[in-house]
């Protein structure tokens, strides 16, 4: 507790020393000092008084263009942040909620990263435009929440973000991030229509609604769809891998796993993903393609991968002699591919 207090005191001291934004207006320093001190100590009544007694307080910014609301969220001062949202969220001042710092972050960007659900809800209630305002790296709040590993926040922001803003590359980046962070509640569904004949993939990530992402071939590669597919296989989410593959069949053979240059079928064998392997085997039979002779960068074909013991994570749910039986079955499956 003493260590935490020391860190906070040090942070306040540094903030006061370095974070005054307008060096040409040092007469504002007493106000800035008082405001920052009140925010960091959680004195919401004092913060409210300072705002009401200073007409310019709403537009005051500190180092890197951060507003008082930004600072309150970063400091984790929930009550102060809510008070500031109430003050700046009136109809006359609601545009102030959309202020970005010099790195392109809005108040919702900071709330999304920190997982402050209550603050996020208050902000969105006051100004829904915040949902579609990206940061300096062109990442929407829902993407920031997902990257930070806040699953509940990600779900909430996903359900409220306009579907058209999650189309194309942004949608696939979100899907890949969800898989990487093991947020398996977001499923994938494909609306093929006529897109296959056009060489276009249309993938929908579903959570409380459906987002349709239409990608041309270049976007498909650049969006992280390849990585998302292999992550889905490795993490045991066959539906995602299969549906992405149905939309863009090039990924089955021409795209490789960035880690070891295996194709999708080899990855399914190595990680014992039966549904994916069965789908690919049946698909290859329809197009008369022999997939058994493909090798990874180490020269391993399907038989080699099947003969190797599966990763521990893929065997944990199988006990005793059943493991041996399961491994032998995979070896027999691989033989049938030659």
C-alpha atoms as a PDB file:
ATOM      1  CA  UNK A   1       0.000   0.000   0.000  1.00  0.00           C
ATOM      2  CA  UNK A   2       2.879   2.361   0.921  1.00  0.00           C
ATOM      3  CA  UNK A   3       4.591   1.505  -2.367  1.00  0.00           C
ATOM      4  CA  UNK A   4       1.412   2.299  -4.318  1.00  0.00           C
ATOM      5  CA  UNK A   5       1.132   5.629  -2.484  1.00  0.00           C
ATOM      6  CA  UNK A   6       4.750   6.404  -3.325  1.00  0.00           C
ATOM      7  CA  UNK A   7       4.130   5.638  -7.012  1.00  0.00           C
ATOM      8  CA  UNK A   8       1.068   7.908  -7.042  1.00  0.00           C
ATOM      9  CA  UNK A   9       2.940  10.761  -5.329  1.00  0.00           C
ATOM     10  CA  UNK A  10       5.792  10.391  -7.807  1.00  0.00           C
ATOM     11  CA  UNK A  11       3.360  10.315 -10.739  1.00  0.00           C
ATOM     12  CA  UNK A  12       1.654  13.499  -9.549  1.00  0.00           C
ATOM     13  CA  UNK A  13       5.006  15.228  -9.108  1.00  0.00           C
ATOM     14  CA  UNK A  14       6.106  14.252 -12.608  1.00  0.00           C
ATOM     15  CA  UNK A  15       2.766  15.273 -14.053  1.00  0.00           C
ATOM     16  CA  UNK A  16       2.965  18.702 -12.426  1.00  0.00           C
ATOM     17  CA  UNK A  17       6.537  19.162 -13.589  1.00  0.00           C
ATOM     18  CA  UNK A  18       6.209  18.028 -17.186  1.00  0.00           C
ATOM     19  CA  UNK A  19       2.570  17.978 -18.198  1.00  0.00           C
ATOM     20  CA  UNK A  20       1.602  21.648 -18.383  1.00  0.00           C
ATOM     21  CA  UNK A  21       0.703  22.082 -21.998  1.00  0.00           C
ATOM     22  CA  UNK A  22       0.692  25.804 -22.670  1.00  0.00           C
ATOM     23  CA  UNK A  23       4.165  27.069 -21.791  1.00  0.00           C
ATOM     24  CA  UNK A  24       3.258  30.553 -23.050  1.00  0.00           C
ATOM     25  CA  UNK A  25       0.482  30.924 -20.472  1.00  0.00           C
ATOM     26  CA  UNK A  26       2.131  30.152 -17.162  1.00  0.00           C
ATOM     27  CA  UNK A  27      -0.517  32.177 -15.395  1.00  0.00           C
ATOM     28  CA  UNK A  28      -2.742  29.110 -15.818  1.00  0.00           C
ATOM     29  CA  UNK A  29      -0.350  26.949 -13.794  1.00  0.00           C
ATOM     30  CA  UNK A  30      -2.112  27.444 -10.424  1.00  0.00           C
ATOM     31  CA  UNK A  31      -5.407  26.320 -11.959  1.00  0.00           C
ATOM     32  CA  UNK A  32      -3.752  23.352 -13.658  1.00  0.00           C
ATOM     33  CA  UNK A  33      -2.003  22.344 -10.444  1.00  0.00           C
ATOM     34  CA  UNK A  34      -5.232  22.564  -8.482  1.00  0.00           C
ATOM     35  CA  UNK A  35      -7.170  20.613 -11.114  1.00  0.00           C
ATOM     36  CA  UNK A  36      -4.615  17.824 -11.437  1.00  0.00           C
ATOM     37  CA  UNK A  37      -4.216  17.511  -7.684  1.00  0.00           C
ATOM     38  CA  UNK A  38      -7.998  17.256  -7.227  1.00  0.00           C
ATOM     39  CA  UNK A  39      -8.303  14.665 -10.006  1.00  0.00           C
ATOM     40  CA  UNK A  40      -5.533  12.407  -8.752  1.00  0.00           C
ATOM     41  CA  UNK A  41      -6.842  12.539  -5.194  1.00  0.00           C
ATOM     42  CA  UNK A  42     -10.382  11.783  -6.339  1.00  0.00           C
ATOM     43  CA  UNK A  43     -11.878  15.027  -4.995  1.00  0.00           C
ATOM     44  CA  UNK A  44     -14.818  15.165  -7.382  1.00  0.00           C
ATOM     45  CA  UNK A  45     -16.547  18.062  -5.601  1.00  0.00           C
ATOM     46  CA  UNK A  46     -13.408  20.174  -5.867  1.00  0.00           C
ATOM     47  CA  UNK A  47     -13.085  19.274  -9.535  1.00  0.00           C
ATOM     48  CA  UNK A  48     -16.697  20.288 -10.099  1.00  0.00           C
ATOM     49  CA  UNK A  49     -16.132  23.591  -8.300  1.00  0.00           C
ATOM     50  CA  UNK A  50     -13.028  24.374 -10.371  1.00  0.00           C
ATOM     51  CA  UNK A  51     -14.939  23.756 -13.582  1.00  0.00           C
ATOM     52  CA  UNK A  52     -17.913  25.856 -12.579  1.00  0.00           C
ATOM     53  CA  UNK A  53     -15.732  28.730 -11.397  1.00  0.00           C
ATOM     54  CA  UNK A  54     -13.548  28.801 -14.503  1.00  0.00           C
ATOM     55  CA  UNK A  55     -15.313  29.304 -17.859  1.00  0.00           C
ATOM     56  CA  UNK A  56     -12.280  28.050 -19.799  1.00  0.00           C
ATOM     57  CA  UNK A  57     -11.867  24.873 -17.771  1.00  0.00           C
ATOM     58  CA  UNK A  58     -13.708  22.664 -20.256  1.00  0.00           C
ATOM     59  CA  UNK A  59     -11.250  23.427 -23.051  1.00  0.00           C
ATOM     60  CA  UNK A  60      -8.123  23.389 -20.868  1.00  0.00           C
ATOM     61  CA  UNK A  61      -5.587  20.790 -21.948  1.00  0.00           C
ATOM     62  CA  UNK A  62      -2.403  19.527 -20.384  1.00  0.00           C
ATOM     63  CA  UNK A  63       0.678  17.812 -21.807  1.00  0.00           C
ATOM     64  CA  UNK A  64       0.071  16.041 -25.124  1.00  0.00           C
ATOM     65  CA  UNK A  65      -3.338  17.666 -25.407  1.00  0.00           C
ATOM     66  CA  UNK A  66      -4.987  15.618 -22.674  1.00  0.00           C
ATOM     67  CA  UNK A  67      -8.112  17.050 -21.066  1.00  0.00           C
ATOM     68  CA  UNK A  68      -9.129  16.773 -17.418  1.00  0.00           C
ATOM     69  CA  UNK A  69     -11.459  13.922 -18.406  1.00  0.00           C
ATOM     70  CA  UNK A  70      -8.609  12.070 -20.107  1.00  0.00           C
ATOM     71  CA  UNK A  71      -6.483  12.433 -16.978  1.00  0.00           C
ATOM     72  CA  UNK A  72      -9.291  11.230 -14.694  1.00  0.00           C
ATOM     73  CA  UNK A  73      -9.789   8.073 -16.772  1.00  0.00           C
ATOM     74  CA  UNK A  74      -6.058   7.370 -16.952  1.00  0.00           C
ATOM     75  CA  UNK A  75      -5.817   7.842 -13.180  1.00  0.00           C
ATOM     76  CA  UNK A  76      -8.700   5.421 -12.664  1.00  0.00           C
ATOM     77  CA  UNK A  77     -10.790   8.004 -10.806  1.00  0.00           C
ATOM     78  CA  UNK A  78     -14.258   6.729 -11.670  1.00  0.00           C
ATOM     79  CA  UNK A  79     -16.282   9.231  -9.658  1.00  0.00           C
ATOM     80  CA  UNK A  80     -14.290  12.210 -10.933  1.00  0.00           C
ATOM     81  CA  UNK A  81     -14.588  10.975 -14.517  1.00  0.00           C
ATOM     82  CA  UNK A  82     -18.365  10.609 -14.187  1.00  0.00           C
ATOM     83  CA  UNK A  83     -18.610  14.137 -12.773  1.00  0.00           C
ATOM     84  CA  UNK A  84     -16.586  15.503 -15.683  1.00  0.00           C
ATOM     85  CA  UNK A  85     -18.756  13.642 -18.185  1.00  0.00           C
ATOM     86  CA  UNK A  86     -21.835  15.197 -16.587  1.00  0.00           C
ATOM     87  CA  UNK A  87     -20.292  18.663 -16.871  1.00  0.00           C
ATOM     88  CA  UNK A  88     -18.941  18.306 -20.416  1.00  0.00           C
ATOM     89  CA  UNK A  89     -21.742  16.102 -21.691  1.00  0.00           C
ATOM     90  CA  UNK A  90     -24.436  18.763 -21.814  1.00  0.00           C
ATOM     91  CA  UNK A  91     -25.911  19.549 -25.205  1.00  0.00           C
ATOM     92  CA  UNK A  92     -23.889  22.758 -25.403  1.00  0.00           C
ATOM     93  CA  UNK A  93     -20.598  21.101 -24.491  1.00  0.00           C
ATOM     94  CA  UNK A  94     -21.004  17.547 -25.836  1.00  0.00           C
ATOM     95  CA  UNK A  95     -18.459  18.181 -28.583  1.00  0.00           C
ATOM     96  CA  UNK A  96     -15.850  18.499 -25.823  1.00  0.00           C
ATOM     97  CA  UNK A  97     -16.184  14.757 -25.210  1.00  0.00           C
ATOM     98  CA  UNK A  98     -14.785  14.205 -28.704  1.00  0.00           C
ATOM     99  CA  UNK A  99     -11.530  16.065 -28.041  1.00  0.00           C
ATOM    100  CA  UNK A 100      -8.482  13.996 -28.969  1.00  0.00           C
ATOM    101  CA  UNK A 101      -5.053  14.248 -27.417  1.00  0.00           C
ATOM    102  CA  UNK A 102      -1.976  14.596 -29.602  1.00  0.00           C
ATOM    103  CA  UNK A 103      -1.872  10.821 -30.095  1.00  0.00           C
ATOM    104  CA  UNK A 104      -5.437  10.771 -31.397  1.00  0.00           C
ATOM    105  CA  UNK A 105      -7.038   9.295 -28.270  1.00  0.00           C
ATOM    106  CA  UNK A 106     -10.523  10.269 -27.158  1.00  0.00           C
ATOM    107  CA  UNK A 107     -11.906   9.735 -23.668  1.00  0.00           C
ATOM    108  CA  UNK A 108     -13.526   6.520 -24.932  1.00  0.00           C
ATOM    109  CA  UNK A 109     -10.171   5.326 -26.263  1.00  0.00           C
ATOM    110  CA  UNK A 110      -8.726   5.549 -22.760  1.00  0.00           C
ATOM    111  CA  UNK A 111     -11.803   3.952 -21.183  1.00  0.00           C
ATOM    112  CA  UNK A 112     -11.686   1.079 -23.684  1.00  0.00           C
ATOM    113  CA  UNK A 113      -8.022   0.376 -22.987  1.00  0.00           C
ATOM    114  CA  UNK A 114      -8.512   0.453 -19.222  1.00  0.00           C
ATOM    115  CA  UNK A 115     -11.714  -1.608 -19.229  1.00  0.00           C
ATOM    116  CA  UNK A 116     -13.745   1.080 -17.427  1.00  0.00           C
ATOM    117  CA  UNK A 117     -17.164  -0.163 -18.524  1.00  0.00           C
ATOM    118  CA  UNK A 118     -19.204   2.318 -16.499  1.00  0.00           C
ATOM    119  CA  UNK A 119     -17.313   5.246 -17.997  1.00  0.00           C
ATOM    120  CA  UNK A 120     -17.651   3.835 -21.508  1.00  0.00           C
ATOM    121  CA  UNK A 121     -21.420   3.556 -21.082  1.00  0.00           C
ATOM    122  CA  UNK A 122     -21.671   7.133 -19.786  1.00  0.00           C
ATOM    123  CA  UNK A 123     -19.623   8.471 -22.691  1.00  0.00           C
ATOM    124  CA  UNK A 124     -21.602   6.599 -25.335  1.00  0.00           C
ATOM    125  CA  UNK A 125     -24.888   7.713 -23.797  1.00  0.00           C
ATOM    126  CA  UNK A 126     -23.744  11.318 -24.166  1.00  0.00           C
ATOM    127  CA  UNK A 127     -22.154  11.023 -27.598  1.00  0.00           C
ATOM    128  CA  UNK A 128     -22.378   7.911 -29.794  1.00  0.00           C
ATOM    129  CA  UNK A 129     -19.937   9.398 -32.298  1.00  0.00           C
ATOM    130  CA  UNK A 130     -17.139   8.326 -29.961  1.00  0.00           C
ATOM    131  CA  UNK A 131     -17.686   4.697 -31.018  1.00  0.00           C
ATOM    132  CA  UNK A 132     -16.485   5.418 -34.533  1.00  0.00           C
ATOM    133  CA  UNK A 133     -13.588   7.742 -33.724  1.00  0.00           C
ATOM    134  CA  UNK A 134     -10.253   5.920 -34.204  1.00  0.00           C
ATOM    135  CA  UNK A 135      -7.064   6.719 -32.344  1.00  0.00           C
ATOM    136  CA  UNK A 136      -3.826   7.841 -33.960  1.00  0.00           C
ATOM    137  CA  UNK A 137      -3.153   4.284 -35.152  1.00  0.00           C
ATOM    138  CA  UNK A 138      -6.581   4.110 -36.820  1.00  0.00           C
ATOM    139  CA  UNK A 139      -7.918   1.691 -34.185  1.00  0.00           C
ATOM    140  CA  UNK A 140     -11.545   1.962 -33.064  1.00  0.00           C
ATOM    141  CA  UNK A 141     -12.403   1.748 -29.342  1.00  0.00           C
ATOM    142  CA  UNK A 142     -13.644  -1.838 -29.747  1.00  0.00           C
ATOM    143  CA  UNK A 143     -10.277  -2.824 -31.217  1.00  0.00           C
ATOM    144  CA  UNK A 144      -8.428  -1.125 -28.363  1.00  0.00           C
ATOM    145  CA  UNK A 145     -10.536  -2.958 -25.783  1.00  0.00           C
ATOM    146  CA  UNK A 146      -9.916  -6.278 -27.483  1.00  0.00           C
ATOM    147  CA  UNK A 147      -6.190  -5.700 -27.760  1.00  0.00           C
ATOM    148  CA  UNK A 148      -6.080  -4.879 -24.036  1.00  0.00           C
ATOM    149  CA  UNK A 149      -7.864  -8.156 -23.263  1.00  0.00           C
ATOM    150  CA  UNK A 150     -11.074  -6.677 -21.826  1.00  0.00           C
ATOM    151  CA  UNK A 151     -13.653  -9.187 -23.056  1.00  0.00           C
ATOM    152  CA  UNK A 152     -16.769  -7.620 -21.510  1.00  0.00           C
ATOM    153  CA  UNK A 153     -15.782  -4.197 -22.816  1.00  0.00           C
ATOM    154  CA  UNK A 154     -15.110  -5.675 -26.253  1.00  0.00           C
ATOM    155  CA  UNK A 155     -18.548  -7.294 -26.363  1.00  0.00           C
ATOM    156  CA  UNK A 156     -20.267  -4.095 -25.254  1.00  0.00           C
ATOM    157  CA  UNK A 157     -18.467  -1.874 -27.753  1.00  0.00           C
ATOM    158  CA  UNK A 158     -18.912  -4.442 -30.517  1.00  0.00           C
ATOM    159  CA  UNK A 159     -22.670  -4.541 -29.993  1.00  0.00           C
ATOM    160  CA  UNK A 160     -22.891  -0.743 -30.138  1.00  0.00           C
ATOM    161  CA  UNK A 161     -20.458   0.024 -32.942  1.00  0.00           C
ATOM    162  CA  UNK A 162     -22.203   0.638 -36.304  1.00  0.00           C
ATOM    163  CA  UNK A 163     -21.824  -2.457 -38.461  1.00  0.00           C
ATOM    164  CA  UNK A 164     -20.510  -0.573 -41.471  1.00  0.00           C
ATOM    165  CA  UNK A 165     -17.535   0.632 -39.421  1.00  0.00           C
ATOM    166  CA  UNK A 166     -16.478  -2.959 -38.796  1.00  0.00           C
ATOM    167  CA  UNK A 167     -16.382  -3.902 -42.447  1.00  0.00           C
ATOM    168  CA  UNK A 168     -13.333  -4.768 -44.473  1.00  0.00           C
ATOM    169  CA  UNK A 169      -9.899  -4.791 -42.899  1.00  0.00           C
ATOM    170  CA  UNK A 170     -10.990  -3.420 -39.518  1.00  0.00           C
ATOM    171  CA  UNK A 171     -13.389  -6.295 -39.047  1.00  0.00           C
ATOM    172  CA  UNK A 172     -10.790  -8.931 -39.820  1.00  0.00           C
ATOM    173  CA  UNK A 173      -8.236  -7.283 -37.553  1.00  0.00           C
ATOM    174  CA  UNK A 174     -10.814  -7.430 -34.766  1.00  0.00           C
ATOM    175  CA  UNK A 175     -11.535 -11.083 -35.511  1.00  0.00           C
ATOM    176  CA  UNK A 176      -7.838 -11.963 -35.444  1.00  0.00           C
ATOM    177  CA  UNK A 177      -7.351 -10.087 -32.174  1.00  0.00           C
ATOM    178  CA  UNK A 178     -10.339 -11.872 -30.607  1.00  0.00           C
ATOM    179  CA  UNK A 179      -8.863 -15.247 -31.509  1.00  0.00           C
ATOM    180  CA  UNK A 180      -5.400 -14.274 -30.277  1.00  0.00           C
ATOM    181  CA  UNK A 181      -6.844 -13.076 -26.959  1.00  0.00           C
ATOM    182  CA  UNK A 182      -8.937 -16.261 -26.735  1.00  0.00           C
ATOM    183  CA  UNK A 183     -12.232 -14.362 -26.819  1.00  0.00           C
ATOM    184  CA  UNK A 184     -13.971 -17.328 -28.378  1.00  0.00           C
ATOM    185  CA  UNK A 185     -17.479 -15.945 -27.896  1.00  0.00           C
ATOM    186  CA  UNK A 186     -17.238 -14.178 -31.240  1.00  0.00           C
ATOM    187  CA  UNK A 187     -18.154 -16.635 -33.974  1.00  0.00           C
ATOM    188  CA  UNK A 188     -17.834 -16.374 -37.721  1.00  0.00           C
ATOM    189  CA  UNK A 189     -20.413 -16.815 -40.389  1.00  0.00           C
ATOM    190  CA  UNK A 190     -20.138 -16.451 -44.134  1.00  0.00           C
ATOM    191  CA  UNK A 191     -22.520 -14.923 -46.605  1.00  0.00           C
ATOM    192  CA  UNK A 192     -21.267 -16.257 -49.937  1.00  0.00           C
ATOM    193  CA  UNK A 193     -23.816 -14.904 -52.387  1.00  0.00           C
ATOM    194  CA  UNK A 194     -21.953 -14.178 -55.603  1.00  0.00           C
ATOM    195  CA  UNK A 195     -18.731 -13.172 -53.936  1.00  0.00           C
ATOM    196  CA  UNK A 196     -16.860 -16.388 -54.674  1.00  0.00           C
ATOM    197  CA  UNK A 197     -17.125 -15.828 -58.402  1.00  0.00           C
ATOM    198  CA  UNK A 198     -15.840 -12.287 -57.888  1.00  0.00           C
ATOM    199  CA  UNK A 199     -12.862 -13.429 -55.844  1.00  0.00           C
ATOM    200  CA  UNK A 200     -14.162 -11.580 -52.826  1.00  0.00           C
ATOM    201  CA  UNK A 201     -14.591 -12.835 -49.267  1.00  0.00           C
ATOM    202  CA  UNK A 202     -17.560 -11.832 -47.133  1.00  0.00           C
ATOM    203  CA  UNK A 203     -17.101 -12.813 -43.526  1.00  0.00           C
ATOM    204  CA  UNK A 204     -19.388 -11.916 -40.666  1.00  0.00           C
ATOM    205  CA  UNK A 205     -18.261 -11.865 -37.057  1.00  0.00           C
ATOM    206  CA  UNK A 206     -21.280 -12.391 -34.867  1.00  0.00           C
ATOM    207  CA  UNK A 207     -21.933 -11.193 -31.326  1.00  0.00           C
ATOM    208  CA  UNK A 208     -25.337  -9.702 -30.608  1.00  0.00           C
ATOM    209  CA  UNK A 209     -25.685  -8.875 -34.278  1.00  0.00           C
ATOM    210  CA  UNK A 210     -23.866  -9.546 -37.542  1.00  0.00           C
ATOM    211  CA  UNK A 211     -21.054  -7.582 -39.113  1.00  0.00           C
ATOM    212  CA  UNK A 212     -20.425  -8.228 -42.788  1.00  0.00           C
ATOM    213  CA  UNK A 213     -16.877  -7.709 -43.979  1.00  0.00           C
ATOM    214  CA  UNK A 214     -16.302  -7.738 -47.738  1.00  0.00           C
ATOM    215  CA  UNK A 215     -12.673  -7.981 -48.781  1.00  0.00           C
ATOM    216  CA  UNK A 216     -10.980  -8.088 -52.152  1.00  0.00           C
ATOM    217  CA  UNK A 217      -7.987 -10.411 -52.585  1.00  0.00           C
ATOM    218  CA  UNK A 218      -5.337  -7.897 -51.518  1.00  0.00           C
ATOM    219  CA  UNK A 219      -7.340  -6.806 -48.489  1.00  0.00           C
ATOM    220  CA  UNK A 220      -7.887 -10.436 -47.548  1.00  0.00           C
ATOM    221  CA  UNK A 221      -4.137 -11.004 -47.326  1.00  0.00           C
ATOM    222  CA  UNK A 222      -3.339  -7.690 -45.654  1.00  0.00           C
ATOM    223  CA  UNK A 223      -6.175  -7.819 -43.150  1.00  0.00           C
ATOM    224  CA  UNK A 224      -4.779 -10.604 -41.022  1.00  0.00           C
ATOM    225  CA  UNK A 225      -7.310 -13.148 -42.300  1.00  0.00           C
ATOM    226  CA  UNK A 226      -4.547 -15.687 -42.920  1.00  0.00           C
ATOM    227  CA  UNK A 227      -3.224 -15.321 -39.395  1.00  0.00           C
ATOM    228  CA  UNK A 228      -6.761 -15.450 -38.018  1.00  0.00           C
ATOM    229  CA  UNK A 229      -7.404 -18.739 -39.804  1.00  0.00           C
ATOM    230  CA  UNK A 230      -4.327 -20.460 -38.439  1.00  0.00           C
ATOM    231  CA  UNK A 231      -4.888 -19.039 -34.959  1.00  0.00           C
ATOM    232  CA  UNK A 232      -8.403 -20.480 -35.084  1.00  0.00           C
ATOM    233  CA  UNK A 233      -7.049 -23.937 -35.936  1.00  0.00           C
ATOM    234  CA  UNK A 234      -4.408 -23.848 -33.218  1.00  0.00           C
ATOM    235  CA  UNK A 235      -6.897 -22.647 -30.619  1.00  0.00           C
ATOM    236  CA  UNK A 236      -9.478 -25.282 -31.462  1.00  0.00           C
ATOM    237  CA  UNK A 237     -12.105 -23.130 -33.184  1.00  0.00           C
ATOM    238  CA  UNK A 238     -12.856 -25.149 -36.334  1.00  0.00           C
ATOM    239  CA  UNK A 239     -15.961 -23.207 -37.360  1.00  0.00           C
ATOM    240  CA  UNK A 240     -14.007 -20.000 -37.893  1.00  0.00           C
ATOM    241  CA  UNK A 241     -11.266 -21.678 -39.918  1.00  0.00           C
ATOM    242  CA  UNK A 242     -13.743 -23.590 -42.082  1.00  0.00           C
ATOM    243  CA  UNK A 243     -15.985 -20.621 -42.801  1.00  0.00           C
ATOM    244  CA  UNK A 244     -13.064 -18.383 -43.738  1.00  0.00           C
ATOM    245  CA  UNK A 245     -11.730 -21.133 -46.001  1.00  0.00           C
ATOM    246  CA  UNK A 246     -15.107 -21.514 -47.706  1.00  0.00           C
ATOM    247  CA  UNK A 247     -15.070 -17.843 -48.604  1.00  0.00           C
ATOM    248  CA  UNK A 248     -11.538 -17.699 -49.961  1.00  0.00           C
ATOM    249  CA  UNK A 249     -10.374 -21.124 -51.125  1.00  0.00           C
ATOM    250  CA  UNK A 250      -6.901 -19.835 -52.023  1.00  0.00           C
ATOM    251  CA  UNK A 251      -6.064 -19.901 -48.351  1.00  0.00           C
ATOM    252  CA  UNK A 252      -6.328 -23.696 -48.338  1.00  0.00           C
ATOM    253  CA  UNK A 253      -3.233 -24.324 -50.409  1.00  0.00           C
ATOM    254  CA  UNK A 254      -1.496 -21.129 -51.461  1.00  0.00           C
ATOM    255  CA  UNK A 255      -1.305 -19.403 -48.069  1.00  0.00           C
ATOM    256  CA  UNK A 256       1.011 -20.666 -45.366  1.00  0.00           C
ATOM    257  CA  UNK A 257       1.186 -20.532 -41.599  1.00  0.00           C
ATOM    258  CA  UNK A 258       3.599 -17.670 -40.780  1.00  0.00           C
ATOM    259  CA  UNK A 259       5.214 -19.755 -38.023  1.00  0.00           C
ATOM    260  CA  UNK A 260       6.308 -22.862 -39.912  1.00  0.00           C
ATOM    261  CA  UNK A 261       5.160 -22.558 -43.546  1.00  0.00           C
ATOM    262  CA  UNK A 262       2.525 -25.275 -43.216  1.00  0.00           C
ATOM    263  CA  UNK A 263      -0.649 -25.101 -45.196  1.00  0.00           C
ATOM    264  CA  UNK A 264      -4.036 -25.234 -43.554  1.00  0.00           C
ATOM    265  CA  UNK A 265      -4.420 -29.008 -43.822  1.00  0.00           C
ATOM    266  CA  UNK A 266      -0.987 -29.675 -42.311  1.00  0.00           C
ATOM    267  CA  UNK A 267      -1.778 -27.301 -39.463  1.00  0.00           C
ATOM    268  CA  UNK A 268      -5.038 -29.159 -38.806  1.00  0.00           C
ATOM    269  CA  UNK A 269      -3.177 -32.491 -38.680  1.00  0.00           C
ATOM    270  CA  UNK A 270      -0.454 -31.157 -36.387  1.00  0.00           C
ATOM    271  CA  UNK A 271      -3.009 -29.728 -33.953  1.00  0.00           C
ATOM    272  CA  UNK A 272      -5.459 -32.637 -34.251  1.00  0.00           C
ATOM    273  CA  UNK A 273      -8.365 -30.545 -35.499  1.00  0.00           C
ATOM    274  CA  UNK A 274     -10.626 -33.254 -36.893  1.00  0.00           C
ATOM    275  CA  UNK A 275     -13.421 -31.060 -38.261  1.00  0.00           C
ATOM    276  CA  UNK A 276     -10.996 -28.904 -40.235  1.00  0.00           C
ATOM    277  CA  UNK A 277      -9.076 -31.936 -41.519  1.00  0.00           C
ATOM    278  CA  UNK A 278     -12.265 -33.689 -42.660  1.00  0.00           C
ATOM    279  CA  UNK A 279     -13.492 -30.589 -44.457  1.00  0.00           C
ATOM    280  CA  UNK A 280     -10.191 -30.128 -46.288  1.00  0.00           C
ATOM    281  CA  UNK A 281      -9.896 -33.800 -47.171  1.00  0.00           C
ATOM    282  CA  UNK A 282     -13.382 -33.870 -48.711  1.00  0.00           C
ATOM    283  CA  UNK A 283     -12.755 -30.593 -50.509  1.00  0.00           C
ATOM    284  CA  UNK A 284      -9.462 -31.819 -52.002  1.00  0.00           C
ATOM    285  CA  UNK A 285     -11.186 -34.994 -53.218  1.00  0.00           C
ATOM    286  CA  UNK A 286     -13.784 -32.906 -55.067  1.00  0.00           C
ATOM    287  CA  UNK A 287     -11.138 -30.944 -56.938  1.00  0.00           C
ATOM    288  CA  UNK A 288      -8.818 -33.954 -57.457  1.00  0.00           C
ATOM    289  CA  UNK A 289      -5.947 -32.422 -55.517  1.00  0.00           C
ATOM    290  CA  UNK A 290      -3.419 -34.639 -53.736  1.00  0.00           C
ATOM    291  CA  UNK A 291      -2.586 -32.843 -50.536  1.00  0.00           C
ATOM    292  CA  UNK A 292      -0.585 -35.626 -48.925  1.00  0.00           C
ATOM    293  CA  UNK A 293       2.773 -34.662 -50.415  1.00  0.00           C
ATOM    294  CA  UNK A 294       2.877 -31.085 -49.158  1.00  0.00           C
ATOM    295  CA  UNK A 295       5.792 -30.353 -46.832  1.00  0.00           C
ATOM    296  CA  UNK A 296       6.514 -27.628 -44.301  1.00  0.00           C
ATOM    297  CA  UNK A 297       9.817 -25.740 -44.090  1.00  0.00           C
ATOM    298  CA  UNK A 298      11.351 -28.590 -42.077  1.00  0.00           C
ATOM    299  CA  UNK A 299      10.485 -31.153 -44.739  1.00  0.00           C
ATOM    300  CA  UNK A 300       7.631 -32.710 -42.759  1.00  0.00           C
ATOM    301  CA  UNK A 301       4.696 -34.088 -44.742  1.00  0.00           C
ATOM    302  CA  UNK A 302       1.359 -35.134 -43.259  1.00  0.00           C
ATOM    303  CA  UNK A 303       2.659 -38.541 -42.143  1.00  0.00           C
ATOM    304  CA  UNK A 304       5.490 -36.929 -40.233  1.00  0.00           C
ATOM    305  CA  UNK A 305       3.111 -34.537 -38.503  1.00  0.00           C
ATOM    306  CA  UNK A 306       0.685 -37.316 -37.610  1.00  0.00           C
ATOM    307  CA  UNK A 307       3.516 -39.509 -36.293  1.00  0.00           C
ATOM    308  CA  UNK A 308       4.711 -36.772 -33.964  1.00  0.00           C
ATOM    309  CA  UNK A 309       3.042 -36.468 -30.597  1.00  0.00           C
ATOM    310  CA  UNK A 310       0.402 -33.760 -30.642  1.00  0.00           C
ATOM    311  CA  UNK A 311       0.998 -30.578 -28.612  1.00  0.00           C
ATOM    312  CA  UNK A 312       0.260 -31.088 -24.909  1.00  0.00           C
ATOM    313  CA  UNK A 313      -2.598 -28.609 -25.042  1.00  0.00           C
ATOM    314  CA  UNK A 314      -4.310 -30.798 -27.642  1.00  0.00           C
ATOM    315  CA  UNK A 315      -3.954 -33.953 -25.524  1.00  0.00           C
ATOM    316  CA  UNK A 316      -4.853 -32.629 -22.087  1.00  0.00           C
ATOM    317  CA  UNK A 317      -8.512 -33.583 -22.474  1.00  0.00           C
ATOM    318  CA  UNK A 318      -7.655 -37.197 -23.446  1.00  0.00           C
ATOM    319  CA  UNK A 319      -6.641 -39.623 -20.721  1.00  0.00           C
ATOM    320  CA  UNK A 320      -4.537 -42.798 -20.565  1.00  0.00           C
ATOM    321  CA  UNK A 321      -4.705 -45.367 -23.336  1.00  0.00           C
ATOM    322  CA  UNK A 322      -7.203 -43.238 -25.227  1.00  0.00           C
ATOM    323  CA  UNK A 323      -4.315 -40.956 -26.169  1.00  0.00           C
ATOM    324  CA  UNK A 324      -2.504 -43.755 -27.987  1.00  0.00           C
ATOM    325  CA  UNK A 325      -5.686 -44.763 -29.793  1.00  0.00           C
ATOM    326  CA  UNK A 326      -6.330 -41.175 -30.801  1.00  0.00           C
ATOM    327  CA  UNK A 327      -2.795 -40.688 -32.118  1.00  0.00           C
ATOM    328  CA  UNK A 328      -2.937 -43.936 -34.132  1.00  0.00           C
ATOM    329  CA  UNK A 329      -6.212 -42.826 -35.679  1.00  0.00           C
ATOM    330  CA  UNK A 330      -4.594 -39.600 -36.868  1.00  0.00           C
ATOM    331  CA  UNK A 331      -1.728 -41.544 -38.432  1.00  0.00           C
ATOM    332  CA  UNK A 332      -4.222 -43.702 -40.355  1.00  0.00           C
ATOM    333  CA  UNK A 333      -6.053 -40.589 -41.518  1.00  0.00           C
ATOM    334  CA  UNK A 334      -2.792 -39.174 -42.881  1.00  0.00           C
ATOM    335  CA  UNK A 335      -1.961 -42.408 -44.752  1.00  0.00           C
ATOM    336  CA  UNK A 336      -5.301 -42.189 -46.570  1.00  0.00           C
ATOM    337  CA  UNK A 337      -4.269 -38.830 -48.019  1.00  0.00           C
ATOM    338  CA  UNK A 338      -1.457 -40.361 -50.087  1.00  0.00           C
END
